C-alpha atoms as a PDB file:
ATOM      1  CA  MET A   1     119.616 -36.015  38.039  1.00  0.00           C
ATOM      2  CA  THR A   2     117.421 -38.243  40.176  1.00  0.00           C
ATOM      3  CA  ILE A   3     115.585 -36.772  43.132  1.00  0.00           C
ATOM      4  CA  SER A   4     114.517 -39.230  45.771  1.00  0.00           C
ATOM      5  CA  ARG A   5     112.292 -38.831  48.788  1.00  0.00           C
ATOM      6  CA  PRO A   6     114.025 -38.735  52.154  1.00  0.00           C
ATOM      7  CA  ALA A   7     113.811 -41.700  54.462  1.00  0.00           C
ATOM      8  CA  ASP A   8     110.638 -41.967  56.498  1.00  0.00           C
ATOM      9  CA  ARG A   9     110.644 -38.834  58.664  1.00  0.00           C
ATOM     10  CA  TYR A  10     107.913 -40.283  60.847  1.00  0.00           C
ATOM     11  CA  ALA A  11     109.943 -43.086  62.397  1.00  0.00           C
ATOM     12  CA  SER A  12     108.278 -42.521  65.779  1.00  0.00           C
ATOM     13  CA  PHE A  13     105.012 -43.687  64.222  1.00  0.00           C
ATOM     14  CA  ARG A  14     106.330 -47.136  63.255  1.00  0.00           C
ATOM     15  CA  GLY A  15     103.497 -49.601  63.073  1.00  0.00           C
ATOM     16  CA  ILE A  16     100.901 -46.855  62.587  1.00  0.00           C
ATOM     17  CA  ASP A  17      99.704 -46.092  59.084  1.00  0.00           C
ATOM     18  CA  CYS A  18      99.875 -42.308  59.440  1.00  0.00           C
ATOM     19  CA  GLU A  19     100.130 -41.756  55.699  1.00  0.00           C
ATOM     20  CA  GLY A  20      97.082 -43.965  55.152  1.00  0.00           C
ATOM     21  CA  ASN A  21      95.192 -42.176  57.933  1.00  0.00           C
ATOM     22  CA  ALA A  22      96.056 -38.796  56.401  1.00  0.00           C
ATOM     23  CA  LYS A  23      94.999 -40.003  52.955  1.00  0.00           C
ATOM     24  CA  ILE A  24      91.544 -40.952  54.293  1.00  0.00           C
ATOM     25  CA  VAL A  25      91.110 -37.497  55.845  1.00  0.00           C
ATOM     26  CA  ILE A  26      92.356 -35.766  52.683  1.00  0.00           C
ATOM     27  CA  GLU A  27      89.962 -37.794  50.507  1.00  0.00           C
ATOM     28  CA  ARG A  28      87.028 -36.799  52.759  1.00  0.00           C
ATOM     29  CA  ILE A  29      88.076 -33.144  52.589  1.00  0.00           C
ATOM     30  CA  LEU A  30      88.351 -33.191  48.807  1.00  0.00           C
ATOM     31  CA  ALA A  31      84.968 -34.860  48.441  1.00  0.00           C
ATOM     32  CA  LEU A  32      83.388 -32.078  50.503  1.00  0.00           C
ATOM     33  CA  ILE A  33      85.208 -29.098  49.016  1.00  0.00           C
ATOM     34  CA  ASP A  34      84.481 -30.277  45.486  1.00  0.00           C
ATOM     35  CA  ASN A  35      80.973 -29.035  46.276  1.00  0.00           C
ATOM     36  CA  PRO A  36      81.068 -25.261  45.663  1.00  0.00           C
ATOM     37  CA  ALA A  37      78.804 -24.731  48.690  1.00  0.00           C
ATOM     38  CA  ASN A  38      81.664 -25.913  50.938  1.00  0.00           C
ATOM     39  CA  GLY A  39      84.492 -24.139  49.157  1.00  0.00           C
ATOM     40  CA  ASN A  40      86.224 -20.942  50.184  1.00  0.00           C
ATOM     41  CA  ALA A  41      89.647 -19.291  49.956  1.00  0.00           C
ATOM     42  CA  LEU A  42      91.051 -21.497  52.733  1.00  0.00           C
ATOM     43  CA  TRP A  43      90.153 -24.694  50.929  1.00  0.00           C
ATOM     44  CA  ASP A  44      91.358 -23.277  47.596  1.00  0.00           C
ATOM     45  CA  ARG A  45      94.761 -22.648  49.180  1.00  0.00           C
ATOM     46  CA  PHE A  46      94.675 -26.035  50.895  1.00  0.00           C
ATOM     47  CA  ARG A  47      94.132 -27.667  47.508  1.00  0.00           C
ATOM     48  CA  GLU A  48      97.116 -25.728  46.073  1.00  0.00           C
ATOM     49  CA  ARG A  49      99.357 -26.772  48.961  1.00  0.00           C
ATOM     50  CA  LEU A  50      98.197 -30.346  48.554  1.00  0.00           C
ATOM     51  CA  ALA A  51      99.249 -30.269  44.896  1.00  0.00           C
ATOM     52  CA  GLU A  52     102.632 -28.841  45.932  1.00  0.00           C
ATOM     53  CA  ALA A  53     103.052 -31.628  48.500  1.00  0.00           C
ATOM     54  CA  GLY A  54     103.185 -34.190  45.716  1.00  0.00           C
ATOM     55  CA  LYS A  55     106.116 -32.530  43.976  1.00  0.00           C
ATOM     56  CA  LEU A  56     109.665 -33.653  44.610  1.00  0.00           C
ATOM     57  CA  GLY A  57     112.439 -31.213  45.288  1.00  0.00           C
ATOM     58  CA  ALA A  58     112.314 -28.456  47.852  1.00  0.00           C
ATOM     59  CA  ARG A  59     110.785 -29.487  51.168  1.00  0.00           C
ATOM     60  CA  LYS A  60     107.078 -28.917  51.093  1.00  0.00           C
ATOM     61  CA  ALA A  61     104.390 -29.976  53.537  1.00  0.00           C
ATOM     62  CA  ASP A  62     103.171 -33.473  52.824  1.00  0.00           C
ATOM     63  CA  GLU A  63      99.601 -34.737  53.276  1.00  0.00           C
ATOM     64  CA  LEU A  64     100.176 -35.727  56.897  1.00  0.00           C
ATOM     65  CA  CYS A  65     101.672 -32.349  57.775  1.00  0.00           C
ATOM     66  CA  LEU A  66      98.866 -30.493  55.992  1.00  0.00           C
ATOM     67  CA  ALA A  67      96.140 -32.520  57.681  1.00  0.00           C
ATOM     68  CA  CYS A  68      97.710 -32.160  61.134  1.00  0.00           C
ATOM     69  CA  SER A  69      98.228 -28.430  60.752  1.00  0.00           C
ATOM     70  CA  HIS A  70      94.604 -27.793  59.734  1.00  0.00           C
ATOM     71  CA  THR A  71      92.741 -30.002  62.223  1.00  0.00           C
ATOM     72  CA  TYR A  72      90.463 -27.255  63.571  1.00  0.00           C
ATOM     73  CA  TYR A  73      89.362 -26.218  60.088  1.00  0.00           C
ATOM     74  CA  ILE A  74      88.929 -29.828  59.015  1.00  0.00           C
ATOM     75  CA  GLU A  75      86.868 -30.594  62.094  1.00  0.00           C
ATOM     76  CA  GLU A  76      84.610 -27.626  61.353  1.00  0.00           C
ATOM     77  CA  LEU A  77      84.221 -28.742  57.719  1.00  0.00           C
ATOM     78  CA  PHE A  78      83.293 -32.290  58.767  1.00  0.00           C
ATOM     79  CA  GLU A  79      80.927 -31.086  61.498  1.00  0.00           C
ATOM     80  CA  ASP A  80      79.149 -28.680  59.141  1.00  0.00           C
ATOM     81  CA  ALA A  81      78.724 -31.529  56.642  1.00  0.00           C
ATOM     82  CA  SER A  82      77.678 -34.037  59.350  1.00  0.00           C
ATOM     83  CA  ASP A  83      80.488 -36.273  58.104  1.00  0.00           C
ATOM     84  CA  GLU A  84      80.808 -38.764  60.960  1.00  0.00           C
ATOM     85  CA  ILE A  85      83.241 -40.943  59.005  1.00  0.00           C
ATOM     86  CA  GLY A  86      85.463 -37.913  58.393  1.00  0.00           C
ATOM     87  CA  LEU A  87      85.298 -36.895  62.050  1.00  0.00           C
ATOM     88  CA  ALA A  88      86.250 -40.395  63.187  1.00  0.00           C
ATOM     89  CA  ALA A  89      89.139 -40.496  60.711  1.00  0.00           C
ATOM     90  CA  LEU A  90      90.315 -37.073  61.877  1.00  0.00           C
ATOM     91  CA  ARG A  91      90.178 -38.102  65.558  1.00  0.00           C
ATOM     92  CA  ARG A  92      92.210 -41.194  64.769  1.00  0.00           C
ATOM     93  CA  LEU A  93      94.739 -39.141  62.827  1.00  0.00           C
ATOM     94  CA  GLU A  94      95.048 -36.632  65.665  1.00  0.00           C
ATOM     95  CA  ASP A  95      95.355 -39.300  68.363  1.00  0.00           C
ATOM     96  CA  GLU A  96      97.852 -41.490  66.527  1.00  0.00           C
ATOM     97  CA  CYS A  97      99.831 -39.216  64.249  1.00  0.00           C
ATOM     98  CA  CYS A  98      99.636 -35.469  64.901  1.00  0.00           C
END
């Protein structure tokens, strides 16, 4: 049995690389939470949900959905780390895709 991904659910974002924008934010998050000083139960669960998002089958939140649904926590993480690149990427994601 072959399981395929559904058609692009984000058709309203045509011409905007929302998946690419989310990937940048996710990469910045992972780089920060890999440091034990920045980790906590929230980010442990976020990492688990991120791993689930890559699995095919039952509908799970994808990277874009996860990033958009955690913007306040992500913003706090980036601010605490003085990650200006992460903050800019998050603002772009929020403005264009969330």
